[in-house]
Protein backbone atom coordinates (compact mmCIF):
# COMPACT_ATOMS: atom_id res chain seq x y z
CA MET A 1 30.72 -8.28 3.44
CA HIS A 2 29.40 -11.77 2.77
CA ILE A 3 26.04 -12.56 1.17
CA VAL A 4 24.49 -15.70 2.63
CA SER A 5 21.07 -17.35 2.70
CA PHE A 6 18.56 -15.63 4.98
CA THR A 7 17.39 -18.04 7.68
CA ALA A 8 15.41 -17.95 10.90
CA SER A 9 18.70 -17.50 12.75
CA HIS A 10 18.82 -13.94 11.32
CA ALA A 11 15.23 -13.11 12.32
CA GLU A 12 15.92 -11.35 15.62
CA ASP A 13 18.61 -9.07 14.21
CA ALA A 14 16.53 -8.44 11.09
CA ALA A 15 13.61 -7.39 13.30
CA GLU A 16 15.82 -4.79 15.01
CA ILE A 17 16.77 -3.32 11.61
CA VAL A 18 13.09 -3.08 10.60
CA LEU A 19 11.99 -1.53 13.89
CA ALA A 20 14.77 1.06 13.81
CA ALA A 21 13.74 2.05 10.27
CA TYR A 22 10.09 2.31 11.32
CA ARG A 23 10.96 4.52 14.29
CA SER A 24 12.80 6.81 11.88
CA GLU A 25 9.77 6.96 9.56
CA ARG A 26 7.49 7.85 12.47
CA GLN A 27 9.64 10.91 13.13
CA ALA A 28 8.77 12.11 9.62
CA VAL A 29 5.13 10.91 9.77
CA PRO A 30 3.82 11.36 13.34
CA ALA A 31 0.36 10.08 12.37
CA LEU A 32 1.76 6.54 12.23
CA PRO A 33 1.07 4.45 15.33
CA ALA A 34 3.82 3.42 17.70
CA TYR A 35 5.10 -0.10 17.09
CA ASP A 36 7.94 -1.75 18.99
CA ASP A 37 6.87 -5.38 19.29
CA ARG A 38 10.23 -7.15 18.96
CA ASP A 39 8.75 -10.61 19.39
CA GLY A 40 6.00 -9.96 16.87
CA MET A 41 8.42 -8.50 14.34
CA GLY A 42 10.83 -11.36 14.94
CA GLN A 43 8.04 -13.78 14.06
CA MET A 44 7.26 -11.84 10.87
CA THR A 45 10.86 -12.00 9.70
CA ALA A 46 11.14 -15.67 10.67
CA ASP A 47 8.00 -16.37 8.63
CA LEU A 48 9.66 -14.78 5.60
CA ALA A 49 12.65 -17.08 6.04
CA ALA A 50 10.21 -20.00 5.83
CA ALA A 51 8.17 -18.62 2.92
CA GLY A 52 9.71 -21.02 0.39
CA LEU A 53 11.46 -18.30 -1.61
CA PRO A 54 15.23 -17.66 -1.58
CA GLY A 55 16.13 -14.77 0.72
CA PHE A 56 19.55 -13.34 1.47
CA ALA A 57 21.45 -11.71 4.32
CA ALA A 58 24.52 -9.47 4.29
CA VAL A 59 26.88 -10.21 7.18
CA GLU A 60 30.27 -8.94 8.24
CA GLY A 61 32.21 -9.94 11.32
CA GLY A 62 29.21 -11.89 12.61
CA LYS A 63 26.96 -8.83 12.36
CA LEU A 64 23.85 -8.59 10.17
CA LEU A 65 24.17 -5.57 7.86
CA GLY A 66 20.97 -6.17 5.92
CA PHE A 67 18.53 -8.70 4.55
CA LEU A 68 16.10 -9.20 1.66
CA ALA A 69 13.25 -11.73 1.68
CA GLY A 70 9.77 -11.88 0.18
CA TYR A 71 6.75 -13.91 -0.79
CA PRO A 72 6.12 -15.66 -4.13
CA VAL A 73 3.25 -14.17 -6.14
CA GLY A 74 1.62 -15.82 -9.14
CA GLU A 75 0.98 -13.71 -12.26
CA PHE A 76 2.22 -10.58 -10.54
CA PHE A 77 1.12 -7.42 -12.39
CA GLY A 78 1.01 -9.46 -15.58
CA SER A 79 1.35 -12.98 -16.90
CA HIS A 80 4.67 -13.75 -15.19
CA ASP A 81 5.16 -14.87 -11.61
CA GLY A 82 6.99 -12.56 -9.25
CA VAL A 83 8.10 -11.65 -5.74
CA TYR A 84 6.71 -9.17 -3.23
CA VAL A 85 9.09 -7.93 -0.51
CA PRO A 86 7.12 -6.27 2.33
CA PRO A 87 8.63 -3.56 4.56
CA GLN A 88 9.40 -6.20 7.18
CA GLY A 89 11.23 -8.19 4.50
CA ASN A 90 14.09 -5.82 3.80
CA GLY A 91 16.45 -3.43 5.51
CA ALA A 92 20.05 -2.33 5.69
CA ALA A 93 22.25 -0.78 8.36
CA GLY A 94 25.76 0.58 8.57
CA PRO A 95 27.73 3.29 6.77
CA ASP A 96 27.06 2.07 3.20
CA ARG A 97 23.46 0.95 3.10
CA ARG A 98 23.25 1.57 -0.64
CA LEU A 99 25.96 -1.01 -1.32
CA VAL A 100 24.31 -3.51 1.05
CA ILE A 101 21.01 -3.19 -0.83
CA GLN A 102 22.75 -3.54 -4.19
CA ARG A 103 24.60 -6.68 -3.18
CA LEU A 104 21.49 -8.24 -1.64
CA TYR A 105 19.41 -7.61 -4.76
CA GLU A 106 22.18 -8.90 -6.99
CA ALA A 107 21.99 -12.26 -5.20
CA ALA A 108 18.21 -12.29 -4.83
CA SER A 109 17.42 -11.31 -8.41
CA ALA A 110 19.65 -14.10 -9.72
CA ALA A 111 17.74 -16.63 -7.62
CA TRP A 112 14.30 -15.23 -8.42
CA VAL A 113 14.85 -14.95 -12.16
CA GLY A 114 16.29 -18.47 -12.00
CA GLU A 115 12.82 -19.52 -10.80
CA LYS A 116 11.26 -17.49 -13.66
CA ARG A 117 9.90 -14.90 -11.25
CA LEU A 118 10.26 -11.79 -13.37
CA THR A 119 8.23 -9.11 -11.55
CA HIS A 120 9.86 -7.82 -8.38
CA CYS A 121 8.19 -5.39 -5.96
CA VAL A 122 9.76 -4.07 -2.77
CA SER A 123 8.22 -1.82 -0.10
CA PHE A 124 10.40 0.63 1.83
CA TRP A 125 9.73 3.67 4.00
CA ALA A 126 8.89 6.76 1.98
CA HIS A 127 11.31 9.09 3.78
CA ASP A 128 14.31 6.76 3.50
CA ALA A 129 16.17 8.69 0.80
CA GLU A 130 19.14 6.30 0.77
CA ALA A 131 16.94 3.25 0.18
CA GLN A 132 14.99 5.10 -2.51
CA ASP A 133 18.21 6.01 -4.30
CA ALA A 134 19.45 2.43 -4.15
CA TRP A 135 16.25 0.82 -5.43
CA TYR A 136 15.56 3.33 -8.18
CA TRP A 137 19.12 2.98 -9.48
CA LEU A 138 18.52 -0.78 -9.55
CA GLY A 139 15.81 -0.21 -12.15
CA PHE A 140 12.68 -0.02 -9.99
CA GLY A 141 9.86 2.41 -10.75
CA LEU A 142 7.22 3.62 -8.30
CA ARG A 143 3.83 1.92 -8.52
CA CYS A 144 2.07 1.84 -5.13
CA VAL A 145 2.03 4.31 -2.25
CA ASP A 146 0.70 3.89 1.29
CA ALA A 147 -0.26 7.09 3.10
CA VAL A 148 -1.87 8.15 6.36
CA ARG A 149 -3.51 11.21 7.94
CA PRO A 150 -4.56 12.19 11.45
CA LEU A 151 -8.25 12.84 11.92
CA THR A 152 -7.98 16.60 11.59
CA ASP A 153 -10.46 18.60 9.52
CA VAL A 154 -10.00 18.31 5.77
CA SER A 155 -8.62 21.46 4.13
CA GLY A 156 -10.41 23.27 1.33
CA ILE A 157 -13.91 22.03 2.20
CA SER A 158 -16.72 23.71 0.30
CA ASN A 159 -20.20 22.55 -0.62
CA ALA A 160 -20.83 25.17 -3.26
CA ALA A 161 -22.02 22.34 -5.51
CA CYS A 162 -24.85 21.60 -3.03
CA LEU A 163 -24.20 17.86 -2.95
CA ASP A 164 -26.03 15.50 -0.60
CA VAL A 165 -23.42 13.51 1.34
CA ARG A 166 -24.49 10.56 3.46
CA LYS A 167 -23.51 7.07 4.58
CA ALA A 168 -24.94 4.40 2.26
CA GLY A 169 -26.64 1.18 3.25
CA PRO A 170 -27.58 -2.06 1.47
CA GLY A 171 -30.74 -0.41 0.18
CA ASP A 172 -28.59 2.02 -1.83
CA ALA A 173 -26.76 -0.74 -3.71
CA GLU A 174 -28.89 -0.61 -6.87
CA GLY A 175 -28.65 3.16 -7.11
CA LEU A 176 -24.89 3.14 -6.54
CA TYR A 177 -24.02 0.19 -8.74
CA GLY A 178 -23.72 2.18 -11.99
CA LEU A 179 -21.12 4.46 -10.39
CA HIS A 180 -19.36 1.42 -8.94
CA ALA A 181 -19.21 -0.29 -12.35
CA GLU A 182 -17.80 2.91 -13.87
CA HIS A 183 -15.14 2.91 -11.15
CA CYS A 184 -14.15 -0.67 -11.97
CA GLY A 185 -13.86 0.12 -15.68
CA TYR A 186 -11.77 3.23 -14.98
CA TYR A 187 -8.73 1.12 -14.09
CA ARG A 188 -8.54 -0.36 -17.58
CA GLY A 189 -7.89 3.04 -19.15
CA ALA A 190 -4.70 5.07 -19.68
CA PRO A 191 -2.34 5.43 -17.98
CA LEU A 192 -3.33 2.72 -15.45
CA PHE A 193 -3.98 -0.31 -17.72
CA MET A 194 -5.01 -2.55 -14.81
CA PRO A 195 -7.27 -5.26 -16.27
CA HIS A 196 -7.30 -7.65 -13.32
CA VAL A 197 -8.38 -5.45 -10.42
CA GLU A 198 -10.31 -7.51 -7.84
CA VAL A 199 -13.76 -5.94 -7.86
CA GLU A 200 -17.32 -6.94 -7.11
CA GLY A 201 -18.63 -8.92 -10.05
CA GLY A 202 -22.29 -7.85 -10.00
CA LEU A 203 -25.06 -6.03 -8.20
CA GLU A 204 -25.76 -8.86 -5.73
CA GLU A 205 -22.11 -9.15 -4.76
CA PHE A 206 -21.86 -5.38 -4.36
CA GLN A 207 -24.92 -5.48 -2.12
CA ARG A 208 -23.34 -8.25 -0.03
CA TRP A 209 -20.24 -6.06 0.38
CA LEU A 210 -22.41 -3.24 1.72
CA GLN A 211 -24.04 -5.64 4.18
CA ALA A 212 -20.79 -7.16 5.46
CA ASP A 213 -19.68 -6.22 8.96
CA GLY A 214 -16.84 -3.70 8.95
CA ASN A 215 -17.50 -2.32 5.45
CA HIS A 216 -18.66 1.29 5.13
CA LEU A 217 -19.39 3.55 2.17
CA TRP A 218 -20.22 7.24 1.91
CA ALA A 219 -21.57 8.73 -1.29
CA ALA A 220 -22.33 12.16 -2.68
CA TRP A 221 -25.58 12.58 -4.61
CA ASP A 222 -26.41 15.37 -7.06
CA GLY A 223 -30.15 15.66 -7.62
CA GLY A 224 -30.66 12.07 -6.54
CA ARG A 225 -27.87 10.72 -8.76
CA PRO A 226 -24.66 9.40 -7.11
CA VAL A 227 -21.56 11.15 -8.44
CA SER A 228 -18.83 10.13 -5.98
CA TYR A 229 -18.15 7.53 -3.29
CA LEU A 230 -15.54 6.56 -0.70
CA ARG A 231 -15.25 3.09 0.88
CA VAL A 232 -13.49 2.22 4.14
CA GLY A 233 -12.77 -0.89 6.20
CA ARG A 234 -10.58 -1.95 9.12
CA GLY A 235 -6.81 -2.18 8.59
CA GLY A 236 -5.51 -2.87 5.09
CA GLY A 237 -2.67 -1.68 2.88
CA ASN A 238 0.76 -3.20 2.32
CA THR A 239 2.26 -2.93 5.78
CA PHE A 240 1.95 -3.79 9.45
CA ALA A 241 2.08 -0.07 10.29
CA PRO A 242 -1.55 1.14 10.15
CA THR A 243 -2.85 -2.03 11.77
CA ALA A 244 -0.45 -1.60 14.69
CA GLY A 245 -2.96 0.83 16.16
CA VAL A 246 -6.73 1.22 15.88
CA SER A 247 -7.31 2.50 12.36
CA HIS A 248 -9.46 2.34 9.24
CA HIS A 249 -8.30 2.10 5.66
CA ILE A 250 -9.79 3.49 2.44
CA ASP A 251 -10.23 0.61 -0.01
CA GLY A 252 -12.06 2.33 -2.85
CA ALA A 253 -12.85 5.83 -4.10
CA PHE A 254 -14.22 7.28 -7.32
CA SER A 255 -15.71 10.47 -8.67
CA ALA A 256 -17.49 10.51 -12.00
CA PRO A 257 -15.69 12.77 -14.52
CA ALA A 258 -18.53 15.32 -14.46
CA ALA A 259 -18.16 15.63 -10.67
CA ARG A 260 -14.40 16.19 -10.54
CA GLY A 261 -13.33 19.60 -9.32
CA ARG A 262 -16.57 20.15 -7.40
CA GLY A 263 -15.20 19.12 -4.00
CA ALA A 264 -17.20 15.90 -3.67
CA ALA A 265 -14.25 13.76 -2.56
CA ALA A 266 -13.19 16.28 0.09
CA LEU A 267 -16.74 16.38 1.46
CA LEU A 268 -16.80 12.57 1.65
CA LEU A 269 -13.43 12.49 3.35
CA GLN A 270 -14.59 15.02 5.95
CA ALA A 271 -17.70 12.93 6.63
CA ILE A 272 -15.53 9.86 7.25
CA VAL A 273 -13.13 11.84 9.46
CA ASP A 274 -16.08 13.04 11.54
CA TRP A 275 -17.42 9.48 11.84
CA LEU A 276 -14.06 8.03 12.88
CA ARG A 277 -13.46 10.77 15.45
CA GLY A 278 -16.83 9.95 16.93
CA GLN A 279 -15.59 6.40 17.42
CA GLY A 280 -12.41 7.51 19.17
CA GLN A 281 -10.15 6.69 16.21
CA GLU A 282 -6.86 8.50 15.59
CA ARG A 283 -5.91 8.00 11.92
CA LEU A 284 -7.02 6.97 8.45
CA SER A 285 -4.82 5.28 5.84
CA VAL A 286 -5.00 4.65 2.09
CA ASP A 287 -2.95 2.89 -0.56
CA TYR A 288 -3.04 3.95 -4.20
CA GLU A 289 -1.28 3.71 -7.56
CA SER A 290 1.17 6.54 -8.18
CA PHE A 291 0.15 6.63 -11.86
CA ASN A 292 -3.54 7.15 -11.05
CA ILE A 293 -3.46 10.80 -12.13
CA HIS A 294 -6.76 11.92 -10.63
CA GLY A 295 -6.59 9.81 -7.49
CA SER A 296 -2.96 10.45 -6.59
CA ARG A 297 -3.42 14.23 -6.77
CA PHE A 298 -6.16 14.00 -4.18
CA TRP A 299 -4.37 11.54 -1.88
CA ARG A 300 -1.12 13.55 -1.94
CA LYS A 301 -3.04 16.67 -0.96
CA HIS A 302 -4.78 15.12 2.05
CA PHE A 303 -2.48 12.26 3.17
CA THR A 304 1.23 11.85 3.94
CA PRO A 305 3.04 8.99 2.18
CA PHE A 306 4.91 6.62 4.49
CA LEU A 307 5.59 3.62 2.24
CA HIS A 308 6.72 3.35 -1.38
CA SER A 309 6.38 0.11 -3.35
CA PRO A 310 8.26 0.32 -6.65
CA VAL A 311 8.31 -2.49 -9.20
CA ARG A 312 10.83 -3.88 -11.66
CA ALA A 313 9.68 -6.04 -14.59
CA ILE A 314 12.51 -8.15 -16.01
CA ASP A 315 12.67 -8.53 -19.82
CA ASP A 316 11.09 -11.96 -20.32
CA ARG A 317 13.46 -12.80 -23.19
CA ILE A 318 16.06 -13.61 -20.53
CA ILE A 319 14.26 -16.92 -19.85
CA LYS A 320 13.55 -17.87 -23.47
């Protein structure tokens, strides 16, 4: 096996590796849309070769065994620059995929750390046990999860709490903003510690979000006071997969502490499922932090993970 620079000449074979892996993931997660656009995937992998960041390919006997390529990210999950490798930016084939991944990361990490890019994140299919084993043994820890569900009824629905669930409009912005601000502050607490989440900066901006085409929000009110909300938009997440078919993506959700355990989030999810079914949709996706204790319990109950995105943060003393 030889490790060489990843170039556009590898793009077509790299695309085949990615598509084969995605077909395998769809067998485990049937809610994912079909995707077999070889030309489109070839363009994605070629774009990664031209992204301005060192990428690497493993070849043997003229055959591509695997590749690893990503995008540069400034101040990635902290003050240091890093690299994000999307699911179309990595893959391995052959009888010893674990070794291929190890050798590729050995070369790539040397180049990336040489550029002082110390935070590395890679996305791979959630049911690829061999890839998971390889990446976790390379020092990566799970951070982000992408998941999907078909538009079947939500299990465990009960409105014993007598909550009023309805779709919000721009006129609800002022009443919802306190809950929204609480949601934004939630990410700064333990164990998330996420101080730079991109959120709406004020009431007017939140109102503009509600008015924007393609943005939708459902909320649950208790006695006229909002206690939970769920936001959705078109596409989204960390992968080409959900956007390969017609789909919507959850891009925000929060229940006030006093409302947790009352079934508000499940009621909101059912309302969105009903709305999407009425539009002829087939699926709904979400991405979330694995260490969001309250959120991840809910998402794992109602959605099936299809993509894991673990992170490795290199000890910054190596560049001092």
